[in-house]
Amino acid sequence: MTRPITAGVDGTQESLAALDWAAREAVRRELPLRVVHAWHYAEALATADRDTQHGWVSEGLRESVRAVSGRHPELQVDVDLLEGGVAEALTDAAAKSELLVLGSRGHGAVMGFLLGSVGRQVIAETARPVVLVRAGDQPAAEAAGRDVVVGQHGGPEDSAAALRFAFETAALRGATVRAVRAWTLPPVFAYSPGSLKLLDEAGGLEPYEKQALADALRPWRERFPQVPVAEHVEMGSAGQVLLSVAGRAQLMVVGRRARRSAVGARIGSVAHGVLHHAECPVAVVPHE
């Protein structure tokens, strides 16, 4: 079954930028585009009944789709106007998609489809990648060939899904993958005798981290030999190191392992920080 690329649209400038990004990506991947708008009847608008409100939303959605179809006449576009909970509708749509694309305000409170707990729930609960796009996003960064930046941590399997997504995307765009691995000085007791032996054989912490990144990249270099790769290993927090190279990125890719707490779904501090501060689109890819 062919999975579409799905864009969530709610009329904000952020979501319209997300729709444009999703359309370009769908053309690159030769996939259909699905446009989803979730709404509910606002009883507070006493002057407009359900049918009237539905008509307003439908017309706005049609206008957005007409603009995208005009720019990409070869693109198959399907439209769904769904009534009900936003988070539930988007999570369900993501499950049937190659990836879900949403608008993001960043820098503090997010808006539109990512208002409050909705965004955290959608990102944390879907098993598909979610791409967040700012209102000012333009295709110029893609045309300029900026890097696809991806964060890598742990062993080869820990970031496999994020690396796969980054290499696939870079191959389609003719871009370089810039793989970033951050490291810090842990307490000595964190190392087992076996790991200390490996560190000694590697010549120290930094060479050890560089070797770990090289090992994680090896299978993806072999699978995508046409994709140039730049390796970036730096001491510091993962979020800060990723953001330090975001200025040269057309897309930032981070993995996430969803966690739940008493206050709801959590997507991890690295993904959270990058989503709020990176100017480029950010893809959050769930671990396999």
Protein backbone atom coordinates (compact mmCIF):
# COMPACT_ATOMS: atom_id res chain seq x y z
CA MET A 1 0.00 0.00 0.00
CA THR A 2 1.31 3.45 -0.95
CA ARG A 3 1.40 5.76 2.04
CA PRO A 4 0.87 9.47 1.36
CA ILE A 5 2.66 12.40 2.88
CA THR A 6 0.09 14.09 5.11
CA ALA A 7 -0.05 17.79 5.96
CA GLY A 8 -2.16 19.09 8.82
CA VAL A 9 -3.73 22.43 7.90
CA ASP A 10 -5.57 24.81 10.23
CA GLY A 11 -5.37 28.15 8.42
CA THR A 12 -2.29 29.52 10.24
CA GLN A 13 0.73 30.72 8.28
CA GLU A 14 2.75 27.97 9.93
CA SER A 15 0.44 25.25 8.66
CA LEU A 16 0.39 26.72 5.15
CA ALA A 17 4.20 26.64 5.13
CA ALA A 18 3.97 23.02 6.27
CA LEU A 19 1.58 22.29 3.39
CA ASP A 20 4.04 23.75 0.88
CA TRP A 21 6.91 21.73 2.38
CA ALA A 22 4.83 18.54 2.31
CA ALA A 23 3.88 19.13 -1.35
CA ARG A 24 7.52 19.54 -2.40
CA GLU A 25 8.51 16.42 -0.50
CA ALA A 26 5.64 14.43 -2.00
CA VAL A 27 6.78 15.40 -5.50
CA ARG A 28 10.36 14.33 -4.67
CA ARG A 29 9.23 11.00 -3.24
CA GLU A 30 6.60 10.46 -5.96
CA LEU A 31 3.91 10.01 -3.34
CA PRO A 32 0.38 11.43 -3.09
CA LEU A 33 -0.32 14.32 -0.73
CA ARG A 34 -3.09 14.10 1.85
CA VAL A 35 -4.34 17.33 3.39
CA VAL A 36 -6.13 17.00 6.73
CA HIS A 37 -8.09 19.62 8.66
CA ALA A 38 -9.65 18.66 11.98
CA TRP A 39 -12.38 20.93 13.32
CA HIS A 40 -15.23 20.99 15.78
CA TYR A 41 -18.47 22.99 15.86
CA ALA A 42 -18.04 26.15 17.95
CA GLU A 43 -21.32 26.66 19.75
CA ALA A 44 -20.07 30.01 21.05
CA LEU A 45 -20.55 31.44 17.55
CA ALA A 46 -24.28 31.90 17.98
CA THR A 47 -24.63 33.66 14.63
CA ALA A 48 -23.32 30.67 12.66
CA ASP A 49 -24.84 27.21 12.71
CA ARG A 50 -22.93 23.97 12.09
CA ASP A 51 -23.46 23.97 8.32
CA THR A 52 -22.29 27.57 8.02
CA GLN A 53 -19.15 26.95 10.03
CA HIS A 54 -18.46 23.80 8.03
CA GLY A 55 -18.78 25.85 4.85
CA TRP A 56 -16.29 28.43 6.08
CA VAL A 57 -13.74 25.77 6.94
CA SER A 58 -14.31 23.89 3.67
CA GLU A 59 -13.77 26.99 1.56
CA GLY A 60 -10.56 27.90 3.36
CA LEU A 61 -9.26 24.38 2.92
CA ARG A 62 -10.16 24.34 -0.78
CA GLU A 63 -8.34 27.63 -1.30
CA SER A 64 -5.17 26.28 0.29
CA VAL A 65 -5.31 23.13 -1.82
CA ARG A 66 -5.95 25.09 -5.03
CA ALA A 67 -2.77 27.09 -4.45
CA VAL A 68 -0.66 23.96 -3.91
CA SER A 69 -2.20 22.15 -6.89
CA GLY A 70 -1.42 25.17 -9.06
CA ARG A 71 2.25 24.99 -8.10
CA HIS A 72 2.41 21.20 -8.51
CA PRO A 73 -0.11 20.15 -11.19
CA GLU A 74 1.39 16.66 -11.37
CA LEU A 75 0.73 16.00 -7.69
CA GLN A 76 -2.19 13.84 -6.55
CA VAL A 77 -3.89 15.65 -3.66
CA ASP A 78 -6.57 14.17 -1.42
CA VAL A 79 -8.44 16.31 1.12
CA ASP A 80 -10.06 15.24 4.39
CA LEU A 81 -12.12 17.56 6.56
CA LEU A 82 -12.56 15.69 9.83
CA GLU A 83 -14.77 16.62 12.75
CA GLY A 84 -13.51 15.65 16.20
CA GLY A 85 -10.44 15.87 18.40
CA VAL A 86 -7.40 17.36 16.70
CA ALA A 87 -4.79 15.17 18.37
CA GLU A 88 -6.73 11.99 17.68
CA ALA A 89 -7.34 12.92 14.03
CA LEU A 90 -3.70 13.75 13.39
CA THR A 91 -2.38 10.69 15.18
CA ASP A 92 -4.69 8.50 13.13
CA ALA A 93 -3.67 10.28 9.92
CA ALA A 94 0.02 9.84 10.75
CA ALA A 95 -0.43 6.10 11.23
CA LYS A 96 -1.58 5.85 7.60
CA SER A 97 1.14 8.12 6.21
CA GLU A 98 4.78 8.01 5.21
CA LEU A 99 5.23 11.09 7.35
CA LEU A 100 3.13 13.85 8.93
CA VAL A 101 3.96 17.53 8.38
CA LEU A 102 2.75 20.26 10.77
CA GLY A 103 3.35 23.93 11.30
CA SER A 104 5.38 25.14 14.26
CA ARG A 105 5.91 28.58 15.74
CA GLY A 106 8.99 27.67 17.77
CA HIS A 107 10.65 30.01 20.28
CA GLY A 108 8.32 29.37 23.19
CA ALA A 109 4.66 28.49 22.91
CA VAL A 110 3.77 26.62 19.77
CA MET A 111 0.53 27.31 18.01
CA GLY A 112 -2.01 25.91 15.61
CA PHE A 113 -2.00 22.11 15.56
CA LEU A 114 0.80 22.15 18.13
CA LEU A 115 -1.06 24.13 20.78
CA GLY A 116 -0.25 22.92 24.29
CA SER A 117 -0.46 19.19 24.84
CA VAL A 118 -1.81 18.45 21.35
CA GLY A 119 1.60 18.62 19.68
CA ARG A 120 3.35 16.60 22.35
CA GLN A 121 0.65 13.95 22.13
CA VAL A 122 0.81 13.70 18.34
CA ILE A 123 4.61 13.56 18.19
CA ALA A 124 4.92 11.15 21.11
CA GLU A 125 2.18 8.72 20.14
CA THR A 126 2.68 8.28 16.41
CA ALA A 127 5.04 5.63 15.09
CA ARG A 128 5.74 7.71 11.97
CA PRO A 129 8.12 10.65 11.46
CA VAL A 130 6.66 14.10 12.11
CA VAL A 131 8.15 17.18 10.41
CA LEU A 132 7.66 20.63 11.96
CA VAL A 133 7.87 23.67 9.67
CA ARG A 134 8.11 27.39 10.49
CA ALA A 135 6.02 30.08 8.81
CA GLY A 136 9.03 31.62 7.07
CA ASP A 137 10.22 28.40 5.47
CA GLN A 138 11.24 28.79 1.83
CA PRO A 139 12.49 26.25 -0.75
CA ALA A 140 15.64 28.36 -1.27
CA ALA A 141 17.51 26.45 1.44
CA GLU A 142 16.75 23.18 -0.34
CA ALA A 143 17.82 24.61 -3.70
CA ALA A 144 21.06 25.91 -2.17
CA GLY A 145 22.01 22.38 -1.16
CA ARG A 146 22.34 22.95 2.56
CA ASP A 147 23.04 19.95 4.76
CA VAL A 148 20.58 17.44 6.15
CA VAL A 149 21.75 17.44 9.78
CA VAL A 150 21.07 14.36 11.92
CA GLY A 151 21.79 13.66 15.55
CA GLN A 152 23.39 10.34 16.48
CA HIS A 153 23.87 8.87 19.93
CA GLY A 154 24.57 5.55 21.57
CA GLY A 155 25.36 2.48 19.49
CA PRO A 156 24.61 1.75 15.82
CA GLU A 157 21.02 0.69 16.50
CA ASP A 158 20.04 3.59 18.76
CA SER A 159 19.78 6.16 15.95
CA ALA A 160 19.15 3.81 13.02
CA ALA A 161 15.69 5.18 12.20
CA ALA A 162 16.84 8.80 12.25
CA LEU A 163 19.92 7.98 10.14
CA ARG A 164 17.81 6.11 7.61
CA PHE A 165 15.43 9.05 7.28
CA ALA A 166 18.31 11.52 6.92
CA PHE A 167 20.11 9.50 4.24
CA GLU A 168 16.92 8.83 2.27
CA THR A 169 16.04 12.52 2.34
CA ALA A 170 19.54 13.66 1.41
CA ALA A 171 19.66 11.19 -1.50
CA LEU A 172 16.45 12.65 -2.92
CA ARG A 173 17.73 16.20 -2.54
CA GLY A 174 21.35 15.71 -3.62
CA ALA A 175 22.43 17.00 -0.21
CA THR A 176 25.17 16.19 2.28
CA VAL A 177 24.34 14.38 5.51
CA ARG A 178 26.02 16.10 8.47
CA ALA A 179 25.98 13.55 11.28
CA VAL A 180 26.39 15.09 14.73
CA ARG A 181 27.43 13.25 17.89
CA ALA A 182 27.76 15.19 21.14
CA TRP A 183 29.55 13.87 24.19
CA THR A 184 30.14 14.94 27.76
CA LEU A 185 32.46 13.83 30.54
CA PRO A 186 30.54 11.27 32.60
CA PRO A 187 31.53 10.23 36.10
CA VAL A 188 34.22 7.54 36.13
CA PHE A 189 31.91 5.07 37.86
CA ALA A 190 29.64 5.12 34.80
CA TYR A 191 32.16 2.97 32.95
CA SER A 192 32.37 -0.78 33.33
CA PRO A 193 35.76 -2.50 33.15
CA GLY A 194 34.87 -3.56 29.61
CA SER A 195 34.07 -0.03 28.45
CA LEU A 196 37.21 1.33 30.09
CA LYS A 197 39.22 -1.21 28.10
CA LEU A 198 37.53 -0.02 24.88
CA LEU A 199 38.30 3.60 25.77
CA ASP A 200 41.93 2.73 26.38
CA GLU A 201 42.14 0.90 23.05
CA ALA A 202 40.54 3.86 21.27
CA GLY A 203 43.06 6.29 22.73
CA GLY A 204 40.69 8.34 24.90
CA LEU A 205 37.19 9.73 25.02
CA GLU A 206 37.13 11.85 21.87
CA PRO A 207 38.62 9.17 19.57
CA TYR A 208 36.17 6.71 21.14
CA GLU A 209 33.23 9.00 20.28
CA LYS A 210 34.50 9.51 16.72
CA GLN A 211 34.80 5.77 16.25
CA ALA A 212 31.29 5.26 17.63
CA LEU A 213 29.88 7.73 15.08
CA ALA A 214 31.83 6.11 12.25
CA ASP A 215 30.51 2.68 13.23
CA ALA A 216 26.92 3.94 13.29
CA LEU A 217 27.29 5.58 9.86
CA ARG A 218 29.00 2.66 8.13
CA PRO A 219 25.89 0.72 7.01
CA TRP A 220 24.21 3.89 5.73
CA ARG A 221 27.30 4.98 3.81
CA GLU A 222 27.29 1.56 2.16
CA ARG A 223 23.58 1.74 1.36
CA PHE A 224 23.75 5.33 0.03
CA PRO A 225 27.25 5.64 -1.53
CA GLN A 226 26.14 8.69 -3.54
CA VAL A 227 25.41 10.75 -0.43
CA PRO A 228 28.33 12.88 0.86
CA VAL A 229 28.78 12.64 4.64
CA ALA A 230 30.33 15.09 7.09
CA GLU A 231 31.05 13.82 10.59
CA HIS A 232 30.79 16.26 13.50
CA VAL A 233 31.85 15.17 16.98
CA GLU A 234 31.86 17.83 19.69
CA MET A 235 31.91 17.98 23.45
CA GLY A 236 28.71 19.52 24.84
CA SER A 237 25.02 18.86 25.30
CA ALA A 238 23.32 17.22 22.32
CA GLY A 239 20.77 20.00 21.89
CA GLN A 240 23.35 22.79 21.97
CA VAL A 241 25.70 21.02 19.57
CA LEU A 242 22.89 20.35 17.09
CA LEU A 243 21.73 23.95 17.24
CA SER A 244 25.30 25.17 16.67
CA VAL A 245 25.22 23.68 13.15
CA ALA A 246 21.54 24.39 12.40
CA GLY A 247 22.42 27.51 10.42
CA ARG A 248 23.80 25.39 7.58
CA ALA A 249 20.87 22.94 7.58
CA GLN A 250 17.92 22.63 5.23
CA LEU A 251 16.49 19.97 7.56
CA MET A 252 17.30 18.81 11.08
CA VAL A 253 16.58 15.17 11.97
CA VAL A 254 16.37 14.00 15.58
CA GLY A 255 15.28 10.70 17.05
CA ARG A 256 12.91 10.39 19.96
CA ARG A 257 11.92 7.82 22.49
CA ALA A 258 8.49 8.76 23.86
CA ARG A 259 8.17 8.96 27.61
CA ARG A 260 5.05 9.40 29.71
CA SER A 261 4.77 11.25 32.96
CA ALA A 262 2.07 12.50 35.29
CA VAL A 263 1.62 15.56 33.08
CA GLY A 264 1.30 13.67 29.80
CA ALA A 265 3.47 12.64 26.86
CA ARG A 266 7.09 13.80 26.71
CA ILE A 267 9.28 13.77 23.63
CA GLY A 268 12.67 14.23 25.27
CA SER A 269 14.73 17.33 26.00
CA VAL A 270 16.85 17.22 22.83
CA ALA A 271 13.88 17.06 20.46
CA HIS A 272 12.03 19.65 22.52
CA GLY A 273 14.93 22.10 22.45
CA VAL A 274 15.61 21.71 18.74
CA LEU A 275 11.92 22.13 17.86
CA HIS A 276 11.75 25.40 19.74
CA HIS A 277 14.99 26.98 18.55
CA ALA A 278 16.02 25.63 15.12
CA GLU A 279 14.98 27.91 12.25
CA CYS A 280 14.96 25.10 9.69
CA PRO A 281 12.30 22.35 9.44
CA VAL A 282 12.80 19.60 12.03
CA ALA A 283 11.95 15.92 11.54
CA VAL A 284 11.27 13.96 14.71
CA VAL A 285 11.75 10.25 13.98
CA PRO A 286 10.63 7.60 16.49
CA HIS A 287 13.12 4.95 17.48
CA GLU A 288 12.44 1.52 16.03
